[in-house]
Amino acid sequence: MARKSTTGTTKEKVSSSKVSQRSSHQKDLSEEVRKIAYKLFEKRGCTPGRDLDDWLEAEKQIKKRIKA
């Protein structure tokens, strides 16, 4: 009888762990973008209609900070 390899299982666990870490990191970044976008909205006097602009500006600020 052939031996059963556990290599696949180990790789799956490592991959799952990495996916979980990335997912957690994505949630953290999304939350940070949301907070910054809301601050931009407030800074503009809470005028509706520019939510996408605020979101994109928040992402831009975070990317700039990460690169620095």
PDB file of N, CA and C in Angstrom:
ATOM      1  N   MET A   1       0.831  -1.182   0.000  1.00  0.00           N
ATOM      2  CA  MET A   1       0.000   0.000   0.000  1.00  0.00           C
ATOM      3  C   MET A   1       0.879   1.251   0.000  1.00  0.00           C
ATOM      4  N   ALA A   2       0.482   2.254  -0.742  1.00  0.00           N
ATOM      5  CA  ALA A   2       1.258   3.493  -0.821  1.00  0.00           C
ATOM      6  C   ALA A   2       1.009   4.346   0.415  1.00  0.00           C
ATOM      7  N   ARG A   3       2.050   5.078   0.801  1.00  0.00           N
ATOM      8  CA  ARG A   3       1.921   5.986   1.952  1.00  0.00           C
ATOM      9  C   ARG A   3       1.166   7.235   1.537  1.00  0.00           C
ATOM     10  N   LYS A   4       0.366   7.707   2.427  1.00  0.00           N
ATOM     11  CA  LYS A   4      -0.393   8.929   2.164  1.00  0.00           C
ATOM     12  C   LYS A   4       0.477  10.140   2.494  1.00  0.00           C
ATOM     13  N   SER A   5       0.572  11.046   1.572  1.00  0.00           N
ATOM     14  CA  SER A   5       1.380  12.245   1.766  1.00  0.00           C
ATOM     15  C   SER A   5       0.569  13.310   2.498  1.00  0.00           C
ATOM     16  N   THR A   6       1.219  13.986   3.423  1.00  0.00           N
ATOM     17  CA  THR A   6       0.563  15.084   4.148  1.00  0.00           C
ATOM     18  C   THR A   6       1.002  16.437   3.606  1.00  0.00           C
ATOM     19  N   THR A   7       1.845  16.416   2.573  1.00  0.00           N
ATOM     20  CA  THR A   7       2.355  17.666   2.016  1.00  0.00           C
ATOM     21  C   THR A   7       1.228  18.573   1.541  1.00  0.00           C
ATOM     22  N   GLY A   8       0.251  18.015   0.855  1.00  0.00           N
ATOM     23  CA  GLY A   8      -0.873  18.813   0.373  1.00  0.00           C
ATOM     24  C   GLY A   8      -1.618  19.482   1.505  1.00  0.00           C
ATOM     25  N   THR A   9      -1.806  18.764   2.588  1.00  0.00           N
ATOM     26  CA  THR A   9      -2.514  19.314   3.739  1.00  0.00           C
ATOM     27  C   THR A   9      -1.738  20.477   4.338  1.00  0.00           C
ATOM     28  N   THR A  10      -0.438  20.320   4.471  1.00  0.00           N
ATOM     29  CA  THR A  10       0.394  21.383   5.031  1.00  0.00           C
ATOM     30  C   THR A  10       0.334  22.623   4.147  1.00  0.00           C
ATOM     31  N   LYS A  11       0.434  22.432   2.845  1.00  0.00           N
ATOM     32  CA  LYS A  11       0.364  23.566   1.924  1.00  0.00           C
ATOM     33  C   LYS A  11      -0.986  24.264   2.022  1.00  0.00           C
ATOM     34  N   GLU A  12      -2.056  23.468   2.176  1.00  0.00           N
ATOM     35  CA  GLU A  12      -3.382  24.062   2.303  1.00  0.00           C
ATOM     36  C   GLU A  12      -3.474  24.923   3.550  1.00  0.00           C
ATOM     37  N   LYS A  13      -2.899  24.438   4.662  1.00  0.00           N
ATOM     38  CA  LYS A  13      -2.941  25.195   5.914  1.00  0.00           C
ATOM     39  C   LYS A  13      -2.169  26.500   5.779  1.00  0.00           C
ATOM     40  N   VAL A  14      -0.999  26.442   5.162  1.00  0.00           N
ATOM     41  CA  VAL A  14      -0.188  27.643   4.969  1.00  0.00           C
ATOM     42  C   VAL A  14      -0.932  28.623   4.068  1.00  0.00           C
ATOM     43  N   SER A  15      -1.502  28.125   2.975  1.00  0.00           N
ATOM     44  CA  SER A  15      -2.243  28.986   2.061  1.00  0.00           C
ATOM     45  C   SER A  15      -3.439  29.614   2.753  1.00  0.00           C
ATOM     46  N   SER A  16      -4.156  28.833   3.534  1.00  0.00           N
ATOM     47  CA  SER A  16      -5.312  29.361   4.260  1.00  0.00           C
ATOM     48  C   SER A  16      -4.892  30.449   5.221  1.00  0.00           C
ATOM     49  N   SER A  17      -3.752  30.245   5.868  1.00  0.00           N
ATOM     50  CA  SER A  17      -3.243  31.234   6.813  1.00  0.00           C
ATOM     51  C   SER A  17      -2.903  32.534   6.090  1.00  0.00           C
ATOM     52  N   LYS A  18      -2.255  32.427   4.938  1.00  0.00           N
ATOM     53  CA  LYS A  18      -1.896  33.619   4.169  1.00  0.00           C
ATOM     54  C   LYS A  18      -3.135  34.351   3.678  1.00  0.00           C
ATOM     55  N   VAL A  19      -4.123  33.598   3.219  1.00  0.00           N
ATOM     56  CA  VAL A  19      -5.367  34.206   2.750  1.00  0.00           C
ATOM     57  C   VAL A  19      -6.055  34.918   3.900  1.00  0.00           C
ATOM     58  N   SER A  20      -6.062  34.287   5.063  1.00  0.00           N
ATOM     59  CA  SER A  20      -6.682  34.885   6.245  1.00  0.00           C
ATOM     60  C   SER A  20      -5.970  36.180   6.628  1.00  0.00           C
ATOM     61  N   GLN A  21      -4.637  36.179   6.571  1.00  0.00           N
ATOM     62  CA  GLN A  21      -3.869  37.381   6.895  1.00  0.00           C
ATOM     63  C   GLN A  21      -4.162  38.491   5.896  1.00  0.00           C
ATOM     64  N   ARG A  22      -4.208  38.142   4.606  1.00  0.00           N
ATOM     65  CA  ARG A  22      -4.503  39.138   3.575  1.00  0.00           C
ATOM     66  C   ARG A  22      -5.907  39.694   3.760  1.00  0.00           C
ATOM     67  N   SER A  23      -6.836  38.813   4.062  1.00  0.00           N
ATOM     68  CA  SER A  23      -8.220  39.232   4.270  1.00  0.00           C
ATOM     69  C   SER A  23      -8.316  40.209   5.436  1.00  0.00           C
ATOM     70  N   SER A  24      -7.610  39.909   6.509  1.00  0.00           N
ATOM     71  CA  SER A  24      -7.603  40.778   7.684  1.00  0.00           C
ATOM     72  C   SER A  24      -6.970  42.125   7.340  1.00  0.00           C
ATOM     73  N   HIS A  25      -5.884  42.084   6.590  1.00  0.00           N
ATOM     74  CA  HIS A  25      -5.195  43.310   6.176  1.00  0.00           C
ATOM     75  C   HIS A  25      -6.109  44.153   5.285  1.00  0.00           C
ATOM     76  N   GLN A  26      -6.820  43.491   4.360  1.00  0.00           N
ATOM     77  CA  GLN A  26      -7.749  44.199   3.483  1.00  0.00           C
ATOM     78  C   GLN A  26      -8.846  44.882   4.286  1.00  0.00           C
ATOM     79  N   LYS A  27      -9.355  44.186   5.301  1.00  0.00           N
ATOM     80  CA  LYS A  27     -10.404  44.766   6.143  1.00  0.00           C
ATOM     81  C   LYS A  27      -9.875  45.990   6.874  1.00  0.00           C
ATOM     82  N   ASP A  28      -8.638  45.893   7.380  1.00  0.00           N
ATOM     83  CA  ASP A  28      -8.032  47.026   8.081  1.00  0.00           C
ATOM     84  C   ASP A  28      -7.870  48.223   7.143  1.00  0.00           C
ATOM     85  N   LEU A  29      -7.387  47.963   5.927  1.00  0.00           N
ATOM     86  CA  LEU A  29      -7.205  49.048   4.959  1.00  0.00           C
ATOM     87  C   LEU A  29      -8.544  49.667   4.561  1.00  0.00           C
ATOM     88  N   SER A  30      -9.534  48.828   4.334  1.00  0.00           N
ATOM     89  CA  SER A  30     -10.858  49.339   3.968  1.00  0.00           C
ATOM     90  C   SER A  30     -11.437  50.209   5.074  1.00  0.00           C
ATOM     91  N   GLU A  31     -11.234  49.790   6.301  1.00  0.00           N
ATOM     92  CA  GLU A  31     -11.730  50.573   7.440  1.00  0.00           C
ATOM     93  C   GLU A  31     -11.003  51.916   7.515  1.00  0.00           C
ATOM     94  N   GLU A  32      -9.702  51.898   7.267  1.00  0.00           N
ATOM     95  CA  GLU A  32      -8.931  53.141   7.300  1.00  0.00           C
ATOM     96  C   GLU A  32      -9.373  54.081   6.173  1.00  0.00           C
ATOM     97  N   VAL A  33      -9.587  53.530   4.985  1.00  0.00           N
ATOM     98  CA  VAL A  33     -10.064  54.342   3.862  1.00  0.00           C
ATOM     99  C   VAL A  33     -11.419  54.948   4.213  1.00  0.00           C
ATOM    100  N   ARG A  34     -12.294  54.138   4.790  1.00  0.00           N
ATOM    101  CA  ARG A  34     -13.626  54.616   5.163  1.00  0.00           C
ATOM    102  C   ARG A  34     -13.546  55.794   6.129  1.00  0.00           C
ATOM    103  N   LYS A  35     -12.672  55.678   7.126  1.00  0.00           N
ATOM    104  CA  LYS A  35     -12.537  56.746   8.126  1.00  0.00           C
ATOM    105  C   LYS A  35     -12.009  58.034   7.502  1.00  0.00           C
ATOM    106  N   ILE A  36     -10.992  57.902   6.662  1.00  0.00           N
ATOM    107  CA  ILE A  36     -10.418  59.086   6.018  1.00  0.00           C
ATOM    108  C   ILE A  36     -11.432  59.714   5.067  1.00  0.00           C
ATOM    109  N   ALA A  37     -12.139  58.884   4.303  1.00  0.00           N
ATOM    110  CA  ALA A  37     -13.146  59.400   3.374  1.00  0.00           C
ATOM    111  C   ALA A  37     -14.236  60.155   4.129  1.00  0.00           C
ATOM    112  N   TYR A  38     -14.620  59.640   5.277  1.00  0.00           N
ATOM    113  CA  TYR A  38     -15.651  60.322   6.065  1.00  0.00           C
ATOM    114  C   TYR A  38     -15.136  61.663   6.594  1.00  0.00           C
ATOM    115  N   LYS A  39     -13.868  61.706   6.996  1.00  0.00           N
ATOM    116  CA  LYS A  39     -13.287  62.972   7.452  1.00  0.00           C
ATOM    117  C   LYS A  39     -13.257  63.992   6.312  1.00  0.00           C
ATOM    118  N   LEU A  40     -12.948  63.527   5.107  1.00  0.00           N
ATOM    119  CA  LEU A  40     -12.961  64.420   3.943  1.00  0.00           C
ATOM    120  C   LEU A  40     -14.377  64.940   3.685  1.00  0.00           C
ATOM    121  N   PHE A  41     -15.351  64.066   3.813  1.00  0.00           N
ATOM    122  CA  PHE A  41     -16.761  64.441   3.666  1.00  0.00           C
ATOM    123  C   PHE A  41     -17.140  65.516   4.677  1.00  0.00           C
ATOM    124  N   GLU A  42     -16.733  65.317   5.915  1.00  0.00           N
ATOM    125  CA  GLU A  42     -17.024  66.304   6.961  1.00  0.00           C
ATOM    126  C   GLU A  42     -16.318  67.630   6.676  1.00  0.00           C
ATOM    127  N   LYS A  43     -15.076  67.536   6.206  1.00  0.00           N
ATOM    128  CA  LYS A  43     -14.292  68.736   5.911  1.00  0.00           C
ATOM    129  C   LYS A  43     -14.955  69.575   4.811  1.00  0.00           C
ATOM    130  N   ARG A  44     -15.653  68.901   3.907  1.00  0.00           N
ATOM    131  CA  ARG A  44     -16.364  69.598   2.831  1.00  0.00           C
ATOM    132  C   ARG A  44     -17.740  70.082   3.271  1.00  0.00           C
ATOM    133  N   GLY A  45     -18.044  69.978   4.548  1.00  0.00           N
ATOM    134  CA  GLY A  45     -19.331  70.458   5.051  1.00  0.00           C
ATOM    135  C   GLY A  45     -20.460  69.449   4.923  1.00  0.00           C
ATOM    136  N   CYS A  46     -20.107  68.175   4.814  1.00  0.00           N
ATOM    137  CA  CYS A  46     -21.098  67.081   4.718  1.00  0.00           C
ATOM    138  C   CYS A  46     -22.014  67.221   3.502  1.00  0.00           C
ATOM    139  N   THR A  47     -21.488  67.816   2.443  1.00  0.00           N
ATOM    140  CA  THR A  47     -22.254  67.951   1.207  1.00  0.00           C
ATOM    141  C   THR A  47     -22.241  66.616   0.466  1.00  0.00           C
ATOM    142  N   PRO A  48     -23.420  66.045   0.196  1.00  0.00           N
ATOM    143  CA  PRO A  48     -23.470  64.745  -0.479  1.00  0.00           C
ATOM    144  C   PRO A  48     -23.102  64.844  -1.960  1.00  0.00           C
ATOM    145  N   GLY A  49     -22.823  63.676  -2.551  1.00  0.00           N
ATOM    146  CA  GLY A  49     -22.604  63.604  -3.987  1.00  0.00           C
ATOM    147  C   GLY A  49     -21.161  63.453  -4.423  1.00  0.00           C
ATOM    148  N   ARG A  50     -20.233  63.471  -3.485  1.00  0.00           N
ATOM    149  CA  ARG A  50     -18.821  63.340  -3.856  1.00  0.00           C
ATOM    150  C   ARG A  50     -18.170  62.178  -3.122  1.00  0.00           C
ATOM    151  N   ASP A  51     -18.975  61.175  -2.786  1.00  0.00           N
ATOM    152  CA  ASP A  51     -18.475  60.047  -2.013  1.00  0.00           C
ATOM    153  C   ASP A  51     -17.361  59.290  -2.727  1.00  0.00           C
ATOM    154  N   LEU A  52     -17.482  59.105  -4.035  1.00  0.00           N
ATOM    155  CA  LEU A  52     -16.430  58.406  -4.772  1.00  0.00           C
ATOM    156  C   LEU A  52     -15.141  59.219  -4.760  1.00  0.00           C
ATOM    157  N   ASP A  53     -15.253  60.524  -4.945  1.00  0.00           N
ATOM    158  CA  ASP A  53     -14.070  61.390  -4.891  1.00  0.00           C
ATOM    159  C   ASP A  53     -13.384  61.292  -3.530  1.00  0.00           C
ATOM    160  N   ASP A  54     -14.187  61.298  -2.472  1.00  0.00           N
ATOM    161  CA  ASP A  54     -13.628  61.187  -1.117  1.00  0.00           C
ATOM    162  C   ASP A  54     -12.931  59.847  -0.925  1.00  0.00           C
ATOM    163  N   TRP A  55     -13.568  58.773  -1.406  1.00  0.00           N
ATOM    164  CA  TRP A  55     -13.002  57.428  -1.263  1.00  0.00           C
ATOM    165  C   TRP A  55     -11.670  57.330  -2.011  1.00  0.00           C
ATOM    166  N   LEU A  56     -11.654  57.810  -3.244  1.00  0.00           N
ATOM    167  CA  LEU A  56     -10.427  57.741  -4.046  1.00  0.00           C
ATOM    168  C   LEU A  56      -9.316  58.596  -3.447  1.00  0.00           C
ATOM    169  N   GLU A  57      -9.662  59.751  -2.927  1.00  0.00           N
ATOM    170  CA  GLU A  57      -8.672  60.611  -2.274  1.00  0.00           C
ATOM    171  C   GLU A  57      -8.122  59.929  -1.024  1.00  0.00           C
ATOM    172  N   ALA A  58      -8.976  59.266  -0.275  1.00  0.00           N
ATOM    173  CA  ALA A  58      -8.531  58.550   0.922  1.00  0.00           C
ATOM    174  C   ALA A  58      -7.563  57.431   0.544  1.00  0.00           C
ATOM    175  N   GLU A  59      -7.883  56.677  -0.505  1.00  0.00           N
ATOM    176  CA  GLU A  59      -6.978  55.622  -0.974  1.00  0.00           C
ATOM    177  C   GLU A  59      -5.632  56.217  -1.397  1.00  0.00           C
ATOM    178  N   LYS A  60      -5.686  57.339  -2.099  1.00  0.00           N
ATOM    179  CA  LYS A  60      -4.471  58.018  -2.565  1.00  0.00           C
ATOM    180  C   LYS A  60      -3.591  58.422  -1.385  1.00  0.00           C
ATOM    181  N   GLN A  61      -4.211  58.972  -0.341  1.00  0.00           N
ATOM    182  CA  GLN A  61      -3.457  59.381   0.848  1.00  0.00           C
ATOM    183  C   GLN A  61      -2.791  58.187   1.528  1.00  0.00           C
ATOM    184  N   ILE A  62      -3.498  57.081   1.613  1.00  0.00           N
ATOM    185  CA  ILE A  62      -2.943  55.891   2.261  1.00  0.00           C
ATOM    186  C   ILE A  62      -1.787  55.333   1.438  1.00  0.00           C
ATOM    187  N   LYS A  63      -1.968  55.244   0.114  1.00  0.00           N
ATOM    188  CA  LYS A  63      -0.897  54.736  -0.751  1.00  0.00           C
ATOM    189  C   LYS A  63       0.348  55.607  -0.644  1.00  0.00           C
ATOM    190  N   LYS A  64       0.152  56.910  -0.601  1.00  0.00           N
ATOM    191  CA  LYS A  64       1.273  57.845  -0.475  1.00  0.00           C
ATOM    192  C   LYS A  64       2.004  57.619   0.844  1.00  0.00           C
ATOM    193  N   ARG A  65       1.245  57.428   1.915  1.00  0.00           N
ATOM    194  CA  ARG A  65       1.834  57.202   3.238  1.00  0.00           C
ATOM    195  C   ARG A  65       2.591  55.874   3.289  1.00  0.00           C
ATOM    196  N   ILE A  66       2.059  54.846   2.643  1.00  0.00           N
ATOM    197  CA  ILE A  66       2.710  53.531   2.640  1.00  0.00           C
ATOM    198  C   ILE A  66       4.034  53.591   1.885  1.00  0.00           C
ATOM    199  N   LYS A  67       4.068  54.329   0.777  1.00  0.00           N
ATOM    200  CA  LYS A  67       5.288  54.442  -0.023  1.00  0.00           C
ATOM    201  C   LYS A  67       6.373  55.237   0.687  1.00  0.00           C
ATOM    202  N   ALA A  68       5.986  56.143   1.561  1.00  0.00           N
ATOM    203  CA  ALA A  68       6.951  57.021   2.241  1.00  0.00           C
ATOM    204  C   ALA A  68       7.787  56.287   3.254  1.00  0.00           C
TER     205      ALA A  68
END
